[in-house]
Amino acid sequence: MNIYVILGRFGDVYMVAKKLKEPSIIACLEEFSGILDELFPQHTCIRMKDLPRDNPLVAASILSFSHPYHKIIICQQDGTPLENMKEFRTFQTYQEHYASIQ
């Protein structure tokens, strides 16, 4: 099962959760987790209380140690549909990619 790391606003979390076809694990900010549990009970929510709120790369790295058998995917924070999302080695290459197409 994949873990999707989303550190954006609730709208970003909602957009990604809505697009996921199979039950997944979503790591999001703690204040969004209760709403996410109600709207998308098929997904498991990891509350990022102890993870860095402003650095998805570090959050993904920490999650990879605590969940070694899951693939960690950092999601976009700009509402881009999930099917347009690409996987990147680092958050910097992710930012560079989206900067180049805007």
C-alpha atoms as a PDB file:
ATOM      1  CA  MET A   1       0.000   0.000   0.000  1.00  0.00           C
ATOM      2  CA  ASN A   2       1.252   3.495  -0.839  1.00  0.00           C
ATOM      3  CA  ILE A   3       1.543   6.362   1.632  1.00  0.00           C
ATOM      4  CA  TYR A   4       0.686   9.743   0.117  1.00  0.00           C
ATOM      5  CA  VAL A   5       2.328  12.681   1.891  1.00  0.00           C
ATOM      6  CA  ILE A   6       0.319  15.904   1.490  1.00  0.00           C
ATOM      7  CA  LEU A   7       1.399  18.972   3.446  1.00  0.00           C
ATOM      8  CA  GLY A   8      -0.840  21.458   1.655  1.00  0.00           C
ATOM      9  CA  ARG A   9      -4.226  22.957   2.472  1.00  0.00           C
ATOM     10  CA  PHE A  10      -7.339  20.869   3.038  1.00  0.00           C
ATOM     11  CA  GLY A  11      -8.347  21.401  -0.598  1.00  0.00           C
ATOM     12  CA  ASP A  12      -5.109  19.722  -1.693  1.00  0.00           C
ATOM     13  CA  VAL A  13      -5.701  16.770   0.637  1.00  0.00           C
ATOM     14  CA  TYR A  14      -9.304  16.471  -0.572  1.00  0.00           C
ATOM     15  CA  MET A  15      -8.292  16.539  -4.267  1.00  0.00           C
ATOM     16  CA  VAL A  16      -5.799  13.712  -3.814  1.00  0.00           C
ATOM     17  CA  ALA A  17      -8.043  11.571  -1.571  1.00  0.00           C
ATOM     18  CA  LYS A  18     -10.912  11.925  -4.062  1.00  0.00           C
ATOM     19  CA  LYS A  19      -8.748  10.703  -6.963  1.00  0.00           C
ATOM     20  CA  LEU A  20      -7.368   7.600  -5.209  1.00  0.00           C
ATOM     21  CA  LYS A  21      -9.214   4.569  -6.537  1.00  0.00           C
ATOM     22  CA  GLU A  22      -7.972   2.028  -3.982  1.00  0.00           C
ATOM     23  CA  PRO A  23      -7.825   2.370  -0.195  1.00  0.00           C
ATOM     24  CA  SER A  24      -4.576   4.126   0.649  1.00  0.00           C
ATOM     25  CA  ILE A  25      -2.700   5.721   3.514  1.00  0.00           C
ATOM     26  CA  ILE A  26      -2.698   9.517   3.543  1.00  0.00           C
ATOM     27  CA  ALA A  27      -0.282  11.471   5.729  1.00  0.00           C
ATOM     28  CA  CYS A  28      -1.660  14.959   6.293  1.00  0.00           C
ATOM     29  CA  LEU A  29      -1.667  17.743   8.860  1.00  0.00           C
ATOM     30  CA  GLU A  30      -3.393  16.804  12.098  1.00  0.00           C
ATOM     31  CA  GLU A  31      -6.116  19.438  11.778  1.00  0.00           C
ATOM     32  CA  PHE A  32      -7.384  17.837   8.546  1.00  0.00           C
ATOM     33  CA  SER A  33      -7.333  14.210   9.689  1.00  0.00           C
ATOM     34  CA  GLY A  34     -10.741  14.151  11.419  1.00  0.00           C
ATOM     35  CA  ILE A  35     -12.523  15.594   8.383  1.00  0.00           C
ATOM     36  CA  LEU A  36     -10.623  13.215   6.106  1.00  0.00           C
ATOM     37  CA  ASP A  37     -11.684  10.226   8.239  1.00  0.00           C
ATOM     38  CA  GLU A  38     -15.336  11.257   7.855  1.00  0.00           C
ATOM     39  CA  LEU A  39     -15.263  12.016   4.129  1.00  0.00           C
ATOM     40  CA  PHE A  40     -13.034   9.120   3.030  1.00  0.00           C
ATOM     41  CA  PRO A  41     -13.380   6.216   5.499  1.00  0.00           C
ATOM     42  CA  GLN A  42     -11.770   3.855   2.974  1.00  0.00           C
ATOM     43  CA  HIS A  43      -8.405   5.589   3.467  1.00  0.00           C
ATOM     44  CA  THR A  44      -6.202   5.371   6.534  1.00  0.00           C
ATOM     45  CA  CYS A  45      -4.980   8.687   7.860  1.00  0.00           C
ATOM     46  CA  ILE A  46      -1.569   9.358   9.417  1.00  0.00           C
ATOM     47  CA  ARG A  47      -1.703  12.548  11.479  1.00  0.00           C
ATOM     48  CA  MET A  48       1.449  14.591  11.013  1.00  0.00           C
ATOM     49  CA  LYS A  49       1.638  15.972  14.530  1.00  0.00           C
ATOM     50  CA  ASP A  50       5.278  15.052  15.073  1.00  0.00           C
ATOM     51  CA  LEU A  51       6.433  15.343  11.460  1.00  0.00           C
ATOM     52  CA  PRO A  52       7.830  18.559   9.922  1.00  0.00           C
ATOM     53  CA  ARG A  53       4.886  20.572   8.642  1.00  0.00           C
ATOM     54  CA  ASP A  54       6.819  22.584   6.068  1.00  0.00           C
ATOM     55  CA  ASN A  55       9.162  20.014   4.550  1.00  0.00           C
ATOM     56  CA  PRO A  56       7.514  17.106   2.713  1.00  0.00           C
ATOM     57  CA  LEU A  57      10.879  15.560   1.819  1.00  0.00           C
ATOM     58  CA  VAL A  58      11.863  15.224   5.484  1.00  0.00           C
ATOM     59  CA  ALA A  59       8.367  13.990   6.389  1.00  0.00           C
ATOM     60  CA  ALA A  60       8.583  11.345   3.650  1.00  0.00           C
ATOM     61  CA  SER A  61      12.010  10.282   4.865  1.00  0.00           C
ATOM     62  CA  ILE A  62      10.780   9.866   8.454  1.00  0.00           C
ATOM     63  CA  LEU A  63       7.743   7.909   7.242  1.00  0.00           C
ATOM     64  CA  SER A  64       9.966   5.596   5.179  1.00  0.00           C
ATOM     65  CA  PHE A  65      11.776   4.554   8.363  1.00  0.00           C
ATOM     66  CA  SER A  66       8.585   3.971  10.353  1.00  0.00           C
ATOM     67  CA  HIS A  67       6.784   2.263   7.425  1.00  0.00           C
ATOM     68  CA  PRO A  68       9.547   0.416   5.522  1.00  0.00           C
ATOM     69  CA  TYR A  69       7.170  -1.791   3.521  1.00  0.00           C
ATOM     70  CA  HIS A  70       5.181   1.041   1.989  1.00  0.00           C
ATOM     71  CA  LYS A  71       6.031   3.216  -0.992  1.00  0.00           C
ATOM     72  CA  ILE A  72       6.088   6.895   0.040  1.00  0.00           C
ATOM     73  CA  ILE A  73       4.739   9.356  -2.560  1.00  0.00           C
ATOM     74  CA  ILE A  74       4.939  13.120  -2.073  1.00  0.00           C
ATOM     75  CA  CYS A  75       1.858  14.714  -3.606  1.00  0.00           C
ATOM     76  CA  GLN A  76       1.505  18.104  -5.183  1.00  0.00           C
ATOM     77  CA  GLN A  77       0.049  20.975  -3.206  1.00  0.00           C
ATOM     78  CA  ASP A  78      -1.433  23.014  -6.043  1.00  0.00           C
ATOM     79  CA  GLY A  79      -4.569  20.989  -6.775  1.00  0.00           C
ATOM     80  CA  THR A  80      -3.104  19.359  -9.891  1.00  0.00           C
ATOM     81  CA  PRO A  81      -5.090  16.187 -10.649  1.00  0.00           C
ATOM     82  CA  LEU A  82      -3.410  13.054  -9.321  1.00  0.00           C
ATOM     83  CA  GLU A  83      -3.119  11.461 -12.776  1.00  0.00           C
ATOM     84  CA  ASN A  84      -0.829  14.350 -13.805  1.00  0.00           C
ATOM     85  CA  MET A  85       1.409  13.849 -10.787  1.00  0.00           C
ATOM     86  CA  LYS A  86       4.819  12.374 -11.401  1.00  0.00           C
ATOM     87  CA  GLU A  87       7.065  10.722  -8.854  1.00  0.00           C
ATOM     88  CA  PHE A  88      10.328  12.476  -8.127  1.00  0.00           C
ATOM     89  CA  ARG A  89      13.521  11.556  -6.319  1.00  0.00           C
ATOM     90  CA  THR A  90      13.567  14.793  -4.329  1.00  0.00           C
ATOM     91  CA  PHE A  91      11.168  17.587  -3.506  1.00  0.00           C
ATOM     92  CA  GLN A  92      13.512  19.992  -5.332  1.00  0.00           C
ATOM     93  CA  THR A  93      13.106  18.141  -8.652  1.00  0.00           C
ATOM     94  CA  TYR A  94       9.346  18.165  -8.072  1.00  0.00           C
ATOM     95  CA  GLN A  95       9.401  21.953  -7.611  1.00  0.00           C
ATOM     96  CA  GLU A  96      11.637  22.441 -10.653  1.00  0.00           C
ATOM     97  CA  HIS A  97       9.332  20.341 -12.814  1.00  0.00           C
ATOM     98  CA  TYR A  98       6.195  22.283 -11.931  1.00  0.00           C
ATOM     99  CA  ALA A  99       8.027  25.606 -12.200  1.00  0.00           C
ATOM    100  CA  SER A 100       9.122  24.688 -15.729  1.00  0.00           C
ATOM    101  CA  ILE A 101       5.589  23.992 -16.987  1.00  0.00           C
ATOM    102  CA  GLN A 102       3.926  27.120 -15.583  1.00  0.00           C
END
